[in-house]
Amino acid sequence: MKNFTSSLFLILFAMGMVSAQENKTITEVKTVKKVVTKEGSNVTVQEVETIEGEKGAVVVAGNEEENQVFKEESNAINQQNVLVDETKVDENNEALIAQRKLEQEKELKRSKEEAMAKAEAQRKQLEQQEKERQEALKANRKRLERRGRGVGKLDKKRKKN
């Protein structure tokens, strides 16, 4: 009886090994892409895992012949998984932008003040030139109105006949 059970166990074990044999083919290519996008002070980080490949099995006839003709049945795999998708605000960049804005505002204010001072100086110079021109005209008029000896004075008002 002991021999019978051990031989039965051995036969069942061998049959289990033959039927439990799996001939599968799996080819996979995993690609992880990390994309970092910076727009102003917003930083977007995205990681996408792409899996491409084939899963299949080798199919043979169920008899005991050697060198059997086999065929492969396979299914294509195209899968994308988003691993990380986050958006952060870069505080350091925000501080730099604020500082640059302040500097630009100061520069603009200083530029306006310089332009106003330059315009005021130009206005004063033009006033001085106009005053000098008026004095020159007055002096020229006096010189032209002055008459020589024996010449009568010009009448400023003409009499109408």
N, C-alpha and C. Protein backbone atom coordinates (compact mmCIF):
# COMPACT_ATOMS: atom_id res chain seq x y z
N MET A 1 0.82 -1.18 0.00
CA MET A 1 0.00 0.00 0.00
C MET A 1 0.87 1.25 0.00
N LYS A 2 1.95 1.15 0.69
CA LYS A 2 2.85 2.28 0.76
C LYS A 2 3.43 2.56 -0.62
N ASN A 3 3.77 1.53 -1.35
CA ASN A 3 4.30 1.70 -2.70
C ASN A 3 3.24 2.27 -3.63
N PHE A 4 2.03 1.82 -3.46
CA PHE A 4 0.94 2.27 -4.31
C PHE A 4 0.69 3.78 -4.13
N THR A 5 0.63 4.25 -2.90
CA THR A 5 0.39 5.67 -2.65
C THR A 5 1.56 6.52 -3.12
N SER A 6 2.77 6.04 -2.91
CA SER A 6 3.91 6.83 -3.35
C SER A 6 3.96 6.89 -4.88
N SER A 7 3.64 5.78 -5.56
CA SER A 7 3.63 5.81 -7.01
C SER A 7 2.49 6.68 -7.53
N LEU A 8 1.34 6.64 -6.88
CA LEU A 8 0.21 7.49 -7.25
C LEU A 8 0.57 8.97 -7.04
N PHE A 9 1.20 9.24 -5.96
CA PHE A 9 1.64 10.62 -5.67
C PHE A 9 2.65 11.10 -6.72
N LEU A 10 3.58 10.23 -7.11
CA LEU A 10 4.58 10.56 -8.11
C LEU A 10 3.94 10.82 -9.47
N ILE A 11 2.98 10.00 -9.84
CA ILE A 11 2.29 10.18 -11.13
C ILE A 11 1.50 11.48 -11.14
N LEU A 12 0.79 11.75 -10.07
CA LEU A 12 0.02 13.00 -9.99
C LEU A 12 0.93 14.22 -10.00
N PHE A 13 2.06 14.12 -9.34
CA PHE A 13 3.02 15.21 -9.30
C PHE A 13 3.58 15.49 -10.70
N ALA A 14 3.92 14.43 -11.43
CA ALA A 14 4.45 14.58 -12.79
C ALA A 14 3.40 15.17 -13.72
N MET A 15 2.16 14.74 -13.60
CA MET A 15 1.08 15.27 -14.44
C MET A 15 0.84 16.76 -14.12
N GLY A 16 0.95 17.08 -12.86
CA GLY A 16 0.78 18.48 -12.45
C GLY A 16 1.86 19.37 -13.03
N MET A 17 3.07 18.86 -13.11
CA MET A 17 4.17 19.65 -13.67
C MET A 17 3.98 19.87 -15.16
N VAL A 18 3.49 18.85 -15.85
CA VAL A 18 3.29 18.97 -17.29
C VAL A 18 2.15 19.94 -17.58
N SER A 19 1.07 19.82 -16.86
CA SER A 19 -0.07 20.70 -17.12
C SER A 19 0.16 22.10 -16.57
N ALA A 20 1.03 22.26 -15.60
CA ALA A 20 1.27 23.57 -14.99
C ALA A 20 2.31 24.37 -15.74
N GLN A 21 2.85 23.80 -16.79
CA GLN A 21 3.89 24.50 -17.52
C GLN A 21 3.26 25.63 -18.35
N GLU A 22 3.77 26.85 -18.14
CA GLU A 22 3.25 28.01 -18.87
C GLU A 22 4.34 28.54 -19.78
N ASN A 23 3.98 28.77 -20.97
CA ASN A 23 4.90 29.36 -21.94
C ASN A 23 4.35 30.73 -22.32
N LYS A 24 4.75 31.75 -21.59
CA LYS A 24 4.27 33.11 -21.84
C LYS A 24 5.43 33.95 -22.35
N THR A 25 5.08 34.90 -23.20
CA THR A 25 6.08 35.87 -23.66
C THR A 25 5.60 37.25 -23.25
N ILE A 26 6.49 37.96 -22.62
CA ILE A 26 6.18 39.32 -22.17
C ILE A 26 7.36 40.21 -22.55
N THR A 27 7.07 41.25 -23.31
CA THR A 27 8.08 42.27 -23.59
C THR A 27 7.47 43.61 -23.24
N GLU A 28 8.16 44.34 -22.40
CA GLU A 28 7.68 45.65 -21.97
C GLU A 28 8.82 46.66 -22.02
N VAL A 29 8.48 47.86 -22.44
CA VAL A 29 9.42 48.97 -22.42
C VAL A 29 8.75 50.09 -21.65
N LYS A 30 9.35 50.45 -20.52
CA LYS A 30 8.80 51.53 -19.69
C LYS A 30 9.64 52.78 -19.90
N THR A 31 8.95 53.87 -20.17
CA THR A 31 9.61 55.16 -20.36
C THR A 31 8.97 56.16 -19.41
N VAL A 32 9.80 56.83 -18.64
CA VAL A 32 9.29 57.86 -17.72
C VAL A 32 9.79 59.21 -18.22
N LYS A 33 8.83 60.10 -18.52
CA LYS A 33 9.18 61.44 -18.98
C LYS A 33 8.86 62.43 -17.88
N LYS A 34 9.81 63.32 -17.59
CA LYS A 34 9.60 64.36 -16.59
C LYS A 34 9.65 65.70 -17.32
N VAL A 35 8.54 66.42 -17.27
CA VAL A 35 8.43 67.70 -17.95
C VAL A 35 8.28 68.79 -16.90
N VAL A 36 9.19 69.77 -16.93
CA VAL A 36 9.14 70.91 -16.01
C VAL A 36 8.87 72.16 -16.86
N THR A 37 7.75 72.83 -16.56
CA THR A 37 7.36 74.03 -17.30
C THR A 37 7.36 75.21 -16.34
N LYS A 38 8.06 76.28 -16.72
CA LYS A 38 8.11 77.48 -15.88
C LYS A 38 7.42 78.60 -16.63
N GLU A 39 6.35 79.12 -16.06
CA GLU A 39 5.63 80.26 -16.60
C GLU A 39 5.60 81.33 -15.52
N GLY A 40 6.45 82.32 -15.66
CA GLY A 40 6.53 83.34 -14.62
C GLY A 40 7.07 82.72 -13.34
N SER A 41 6.25 82.71 -12.30
CA SER A 41 6.68 82.10 -11.04
C SER A 41 5.96 80.78 -10.79
N ASN A 42 5.14 80.32 -11.74
CA ASN A 42 4.48 79.02 -11.60
C ASN A 42 5.35 77.95 -12.22
N VAL A 43 5.63 76.90 -11.45
CA VAL A 43 6.43 75.79 -11.92
C VAL A 43 5.55 74.55 -11.93
N THR A 44 5.38 73.95 -13.11
CA THR A 44 4.55 72.76 -13.27
C THR A 44 5.47 71.57 -13.53
N VAL A 45 5.36 70.54 -12.69
CA VAL A 45 6.15 69.33 -12.83
C VAL A 45 5.20 68.19 -13.17
N GLN A 46 5.51 67.47 -14.25
CA GLN A 46 4.65 66.38 -14.68
C GLN A 46 5.53 65.19 -15.04
N GLU A 47 5.22 64.04 -14.44
CA GLU A 47 5.92 62.80 -14.77
C GLU A 47 4.90 61.83 -15.35
N VAL A 48 5.20 61.33 -16.57
CA VAL A 48 4.30 60.41 -17.25
C VAL A 48 5.08 59.14 -17.56
N GLU A 49 4.51 58.01 -17.15
CA GLU A 49 5.12 56.71 -17.43
C GLU A 49 4.38 56.09 -18.60
N THR A 50 5.12 55.74 -19.64
CA THR A 50 4.54 55.11 -20.83
C THR A 50 5.03 53.68 -20.90
N ILE A 51 4.09 52.75 -21.00
CA ILE A 51 4.43 51.32 -21.09
C ILE A 51 4.01 50.84 -22.47
N GLU A 52 4.97 50.34 -23.23
CA GLU A 52 4.70 49.78 -24.55
C GLU A 52 5.27 48.37 -24.58
N GLY A 53 4.54 47.45 -25.17
CA GLY A 53 5.05 46.09 -25.24
C GLY A 53 4.00 45.11 -25.74
N GLU A 54 4.32 43.85 -25.53
CA GLU A 54 3.42 42.78 -25.96
C GLU A 54 3.35 41.72 -24.86
N LYS A 55 2.15 41.19 -24.67
CA LYS A 55 1.96 40.04 -23.79
C LYS A 55 1.34 38.94 -24.62
N GLY A 56 1.84 37.74 -24.43
CA GLY A 56 1.29 36.65 -25.24
C GLY A 56 1.66 35.30 -24.67
N ALA A 57 1.27 34.26 -25.40
CA ALA A 57 1.55 32.89 -24.98
C ALA A 57 1.94 32.07 -26.20
N VAL A 58 2.76 31.05 -25.95
CA VAL A 58 3.14 30.12 -26.99
C VAL A 58 2.12 28.99 -26.97
N VAL A 59 1.50 28.72 -28.11
CA VAL A 59 0.46 27.70 -28.19
C VAL A 59 1.00 26.52 -29.01
N VAL A 60 0.92 25.30 -28.40
CA VAL A 60 1.34 24.07 -29.08
C VAL A 60 0.22 23.06 -28.97
N ALA A 61 0.28 22.05 -29.79
CA ALA A 61 -0.74 20.98 -29.74
C ALA A 61 -0.57 20.20 -28.44
N GLY A 62 -1.61 19.62 -27.96
CA GLY A 62 -1.60 18.95 -26.66
C GLY A 62 -1.09 17.52 -26.70
N ASN A 63 -0.44 17.06 -27.80
CA ASN A 63 0.04 15.66 -27.82
C ASN A 63 1.51 15.61 -27.43
N GLU A 64 2.09 14.44 -27.44
CA GLU A 64 3.44 14.21 -26.94
C GLU A 64 4.51 14.23 -28.03
N GLU A 65 4.22 14.76 -29.19
CA GLU A 65 5.19 14.78 -30.27
C GLU A 65 6.28 15.81 -29.98
N GLU A 66 7.47 15.52 -30.50
CA GLU A 66 8.58 16.45 -30.38
C GLU A 66 8.64 17.33 -31.62
N ASN A 67 9.28 18.50 -31.48
CA ASN A 67 9.44 19.45 -32.58
C ASN A 67 8.10 19.83 -33.21
N GLN A 68 7.19 20.20 -32.37
CA GLN A 68 5.87 20.58 -32.86
C GLN A 68 5.90 22.00 -33.42
N VAL A 69 4.99 22.27 -34.29
CA VAL A 69 4.83 23.62 -34.82
C VAL A 69 4.03 24.42 -33.78
N PHE A 70 4.54 25.59 -33.48
CA PHE A 70 3.84 26.40 -32.47
C PHE A 70 3.51 27.77 -33.07
N LYS A 71 2.60 28.44 -32.41
CA LYS A 71 2.28 29.80 -32.82
C LYS A 71 2.18 30.65 -31.56
N GLU A 72 2.45 31.95 -31.75
CA GLU A 72 2.40 32.88 -30.63
C GLU A 72 1.16 33.74 -30.76
N GLU A 73 0.41 33.85 -29.71
CA GLU A 73 -0.72 34.76 -29.65
C GLU A 73 -0.31 35.89 -28.71
N SER A 74 -0.38 37.12 -29.23
CA SER A 74 0.07 38.25 -28.40
C SER A 74 -0.89 39.42 -28.54
N ASN A 75 -0.90 40.23 -27.51
CA ASN A 75 -1.70 41.46 -27.47
C ASN A 75 -0.75 42.63 -27.23
N ALA A 76 -0.97 43.71 -27.97
CA ALA A 76 -0.13 44.90 -27.81
C ALA A 76 -0.58 45.68 -26.57
N ILE A 77 0.40 46.26 -25.89
CA ILE A 77 0.12 47.05 -24.69
C ILE A 77 0.61 48.48 -24.95
N ASN A 78 -0.29 49.44 -24.83
CA ASN A 78 0.06 50.86 -24.88
C ASN A 78 -0.67 51.51 -23.73
N GLN A 79 0.08 51.93 -22.75
CA GLN A 79 -0.54 52.45 -21.53
C GLN A 79 0.26 53.65 -21.04
N GLN A 80 -0.47 54.66 -20.58
CA GLN A 80 0.18 55.84 -20.01
C GLN A 80 -0.37 56.08 -18.62
N ASN A 81 0.55 56.28 -17.68
CA ASN A 81 0.17 56.56 -16.30
C ASN A 81 0.81 57.89 -15.90
N VAL A 82 0.01 58.78 -15.31
CA VAL A 82 0.54 60.04 -14.80
C VAL A 82 0.98 59.79 -13.36
N LEU A 83 2.29 59.87 -13.14
CA LEU A 83 2.81 59.61 -11.81
C LEU A 83 2.75 60.85 -10.93
N VAL A 84 3.21 61.98 -11.47
CA VAL A 84 3.24 63.23 -10.71
C VAL A 84 2.68 64.34 -11.59
N ASP A 85 1.78 65.14 -11.04
CA ASP A 85 1.24 66.30 -11.74
C ASP A 85 0.99 67.38 -10.68
N GLU A 86 1.96 68.27 -10.53
CA GLU A 86 1.83 69.29 -9.49
C GLU A 86 2.29 70.65 -10.01
N THR A 87 1.67 71.67 -9.45
CA THR A 87 2.01 73.05 -9.79
C THR A 87 2.40 73.77 -8.51
N LYS A 88 3.57 74.42 -8.57
CA LYS A 88 4.06 75.15 -7.40
C LYS A 88 4.33 76.59 -7.79
N VAL A 89 4.29 77.46 -6.80
CA VAL A 89 4.67 78.86 -6.99
C VAL A 89 6.07 79.03 -6.43
N ASP A 90 6.96 79.54 -7.26
CA ASP A 90 8.35 79.73 -6.86
C ASP A 90 8.47 81.06 -6.11
N GLU A 91 8.61 80.98 -4.78
CA GLU A 91 8.66 82.19 -3.94
C GLU A 91 9.89 83.03 -4.24
N ASN A 92 11.00 82.37 -4.51
CA ASN A 92 12.24 83.09 -4.82
C ASN A 92 12.06 83.94 -6.07
N ASN A 93 11.43 83.35 -7.07
CA ASN A 93 11.17 84.08 -8.30
C ASN A 93 10.19 85.22 -8.07
N GLU A 94 9.18 85.00 -7.23
CA GLU A 94 8.22 86.06 -6.89
C GLU A 94 8.95 87.25 -6.25
N ALA A 95 9.87 86.95 -5.34
CA ALA A 95 10.62 88.02 -4.67
C ALA A 95 11.49 88.78 -5.68
N LEU A 96 12.12 88.07 -6.60
CA LEU A 96 12.94 88.73 -7.63
C LEU A 96 12.08 89.61 -8.52
N ILE A 97 10.89 89.14 -8.87
CA ILE A 97 9.99 89.93 -9.72
C ILE A 97 9.56 91.19 -8.99
N ALA A 98 9.21 91.07 -7.72
CA ALA A 98 8.79 92.24 -6.92
C ALA A 98 9.94 93.25 -6.81
N GLN A 99 11.15 92.76 -6.56
CA GLN A 99 12.31 93.64 -6.44
C GLN A 99 12.56 94.36 -7.77
N ARG A 100 12.46 93.63 -8.87
CA ARG A 100 12.69 94.24 -10.18
C ARG A 100 11.63 95.30 -10.48
N LYS A 101 10.38 95.05 -10.06
CA LYS A 101 9.31 96.04 -10.25
C LYS A 101 9.61 97.32 -9.48
N LEU A 102 10.05 97.16 -8.21
CA LEU A 102 10.39 98.33 -7.41
C LEU A 102 11.51 99.14 -8.06
N GLU A 103 12.53 98.44 -8.55
CA GLU A 103 13.65 99.13 -9.21
C GLU A 103 13.17 99.88 -10.45
N GLN A 104 12.28 99.27 -11.22
CA GLN A 104 11.77 99.93 -12.42
C GLN A 104 10.95 101.16 -12.06
N GLU A 105 10.14 101.06 -10.98
CA GLU A 105 9.35 102.21 -10.56
C GLU A 105 10.25 103.36 -10.10
N LYS A 106 11.31 103.03 -9.34
CA LYS A 106 12.25 104.06 -8.90
C LYS A 106 12.94 104.71 -10.11
N GLU A 107 13.35 103.90 -11.06
CA GLU A 107 14.01 104.40 -12.26
C GLU A 107 13.06 105.31 -13.04
N LEU A 108 11.79 104.92 -13.15
CA LEU A 108 10.80 105.73 -13.86
C LEU A 108 10.58 107.07 -13.16
N LYS A 109 10.49 107.04 -11.82
CA LYS A 109 10.29 108.27 -11.06
C LYS A 109 11.49 109.21 -11.23
N ARG A 110 12.70 108.65 -11.15
CA ARG A 110 13.91 109.45 -11.31
C ARG A 110 13.97 110.03 -12.72
N SER A 111 13.59 109.23 -13.69
CA SER A 111 13.59 109.69 -15.08
C SER A 111 12.60 110.82 -15.28
N LYS A 112 11.42 110.73 -14.66
CA LYS A 112 10.43 111.80 -14.76
C LYS A 112 10.96 113.09 -14.13
N GLU A 113 11.59 112.96 -12.97
CA GLU A 113 12.14 114.14 -12.30
C GLU A 113 13.23 114.79 -13.14
N GLU A 114 14.10 113.98 -13.76
CA GLU A 114 15.14 114.52 -14.62
C GLU A 114 14.53 115.23 -15.83
N ALA A 115 13.48 114.64 -16.41
CA ALA A 115 12.84 115.25 -17.57
C ALA A 115 12.19 116.58 -17.18
N MET A 116 11.55 116.63 -16.00
CA MET A 116 10.93 117.87 -15.53
C MET A 116 12.00 118.94 -15.29
N ALA A 117 13.12 118.58 -14.68
CA ALA A 117 14.19 119.54 -14.42
C ALA A 117 14.78 120.04 -15.74
N LYS A 118 14.94 119.16 -16.69
CA LYS A 118 15.48 119.55 -17.99
C LYS A 118 14.50 120.49 -18.70
N ALA A 119 13.20 120.18 -18.63
CA ALA A 119 12.19 121.04 -19.26
C ALA A 119 12.16 122.43 -18.59
N GLU A 120 12.28 122.46 -17.27
CA GLU A 120 12.30 123.73 -16.54
C GLU A 120 13.52 124.56 -16.93
N ALA A 121 14.67 123.92 -17.03
CA ALA A 121 15.90 124.63 -17.42
C ALA A 121 15.77 125.16 -18.84
N GLN A 122 15.19 124.38 -19.74
CA GLN A 122 15.00 124.80 -21.11
C GLN A 122 14.01 125.97 -21.18
N ARG A 123 12.95 125.92 -20.37
CA ARG A 123 11.97 127.00 -20.33
C ARG A 123 12.63 128.31 -19.86
N LYS A 124 13.45 128.21 -18.81
CA LYS A 124 14.15 129.41 -18.30
C LYS A 124 15.10 129.96 -19.36
N GLN A 125 15.79 129.09 -20.05
CA GLN A 125 16.72 129.53 -21.09
C GLN A 125 15.95 130.24 -22.20
N LEU A 126 14.80 129.67 -22.61
CA LEU A 126 13.99 130.31 -23.66
C LEU A 126 13.47 131.67 -23.20
N GLU A 127 13.05 131.77 -21.93
CA GLU A 127 12.60 133.06 -21.39
C GLU A 127 13.72 134.08 -21.42
N GLN A 128 14.91 133.66 -21.05
CA GLN A 128 16.08 134.56 -21.06
C GLN A 128 16.38 135.02 -22.48
N GLN A 129 16.33 134.09 -23.44
CA GLN A 129 16.59 134.45 -24.83
C GLN A 129 15.53 135.43 -25.35
N GLU A 130 14.27 135.18 -24.98
CA GLU A 130 13.18 136.09 -25.39
C GLU A 130 13.38 137.48 -24.79
N LYS A 131 13.79 137.54 -23.52
CA LYS A 131 14.04 138.83 -22.86
C LYS A 131 15.17 139.57 -23.57
N GLU A 132 16.25 138.86 -23.88
CA GLU A 132 17.39 139.46 -24.58
C GLU A 132 16.96 139.94 -25.97
N ARG A 133 16.16 139.18 -26.66
CA ARG A 133 15.69 139.55 -27.99
C ARG A 133 14.83 140.82 -27.93
N GLN A 134 13.94 140.88 -26.89
CA GLN A 134 13.09 142.07 -26.73
C GLN A 134 13.95 143.32 -26.44
N GLU A 135 14.98 143.15 -25.59
CA GLU A 135 15.87 144.28 -25.30
C GLU A 135 16.62 144.71 -26.54
N ALA A 136 17.07 143.75 -27.36
CA ALA A 136 17.78 144.07 -28.59
C ALA A 136 16.84 144.80 -29.55
N LEU A 137 15.58 144.36 -29.62
CA LEU A 137 14.61 145.03 -30.49
C LEU A 137 14.36 146.46 -30.02
N LYS A 138 14.24 146.64 -28.71
CA LYS A 138 14.01 147.97 -28.13
C LYS A 138 15.19 148.89 -28.45
N ALA A 139 16.40 148.38 -28.27
CA ALA A 139 17.60 149.18 -28.55
C ALA A 139 17.68 149.51 -30.03
N ASN A 140 17.36 148.59 -30.89
CA ASN A 140 17.39 148.81 -32.34
C ASN A 140 16.34 149.83 -32.75
N ARG A 141 15.17 149.73 -32.13
CA ARG A 141 14.10 150.71 -32.43
C ARG A 141 14.55 152.11 -32.04
N LYS A 142 15.14 152.24 -30.84
CA LYS A 142 15.63 153.57 -30.41
C LYS A 142 16.68 154.07 -31.38
N ARG A 143 17.57 153.23 -31.81
CA ARG A 143 18.63 153.64 -32.74
C ARG A 143 18.03 154.09 -34.07
N LEU A 144 17.02 153.35 -34.54
CA LEU A 144 16.41 153.71 -35.80
C LEU A 144 15.53 154.96 -35.69
N GLU A 145 14.92 155.20 -34.56
CA GLU A 145 14.05 156.36 -34.38
C GLU A 145 14.85 157.64 -34.16
N ARG A 146 16.07 157.50 -33.74
CA ARG A 146 16.88 158.69 -33.50
C ARG A 146 17.20 159.34 -34.84
N ARG A 147 17.03 160.63 -34.90
CA ARG A 147 17.24 161.35 -36.14
C ARG A 147 18.50 162.20 -36.03
N GLY A 148 19.01 162.50 -37.13
CA GLY A 148 20.20 163.34 -37.15
C GLY A 148 19.85 164.80 -36.87
N ARG A 149 20.87 165.72 -36.88
CA ARG A 149 20.61 167.14 -36.60
C ARG A 149 19.84 167.75 -37.76
N GLY A 150 18.96 168.57 -37.39
CA GLY A 150 18.19 169.30 -38.37
C GLY A 150 17.05 168.51 -38.96
N VAL A 151 16.87 167.31 -38.60
CA VAL A 151 15.76 166.51 -39.12
C VAL A 151 14.68 166.56 -38.07
N GLY A 152 13.49 166.76 -38.51
CA GLY A 152 12.37 166.86 -37.58
C GLY A 152 11.96 165.51 -37.04
N LYS A 153 11.23 165.61 -35.97
CA LYS A 153 10.77 164.38 -35.35
C LYS A 153 9.68 163.74 -36.18
N LEU A 154 9.59 162.42 -36.07
CA LEU A 154 8.54 161.70 -36.77
C LEU A 154 7.25 161.84 -35.99
N ASP A 155 6.20 162.05 -36.71
CA ASP A 155 4.90 162.08 -36.05
C ASP A 155 4.40 160.64 -35.95
N LYS A 156 4.06 160.31 -34.77
CA LYS A 156 3.56 158.96 -34.58
C LYS A 156 2.12 158.85 -35.04
N LYS A 157 1.40 159.99 -34.95
CA LYS A 157 0.02 159.97 -35.38
C LYS A 157 -0.07 160.75 -36.68
N ARG A 158 -0.63 160.19 -37.65
CA ARG A 158 -0.83 160.88 -38.91
C ARG A 158 -2.19 161.52 -38.92
N LYS A 159 -2.19 162.65 -39.46
CA LYS A 159 -3.45 163.38 -39.54
C LYS A 159 -4.15 162.95 -40.81
N LYS A 160 -5.42 162.78 -40.69
CA LYS A 160 -6.20 162.38 -41.85
C LYS A 160 -6.79 163.62 -42.48
N ASN A 161 -6.66 163.73 -43.79
CA ASN A 161 -7.23 164.87 -44.54
C ASN A 161 -8.58 164.55 -45.03
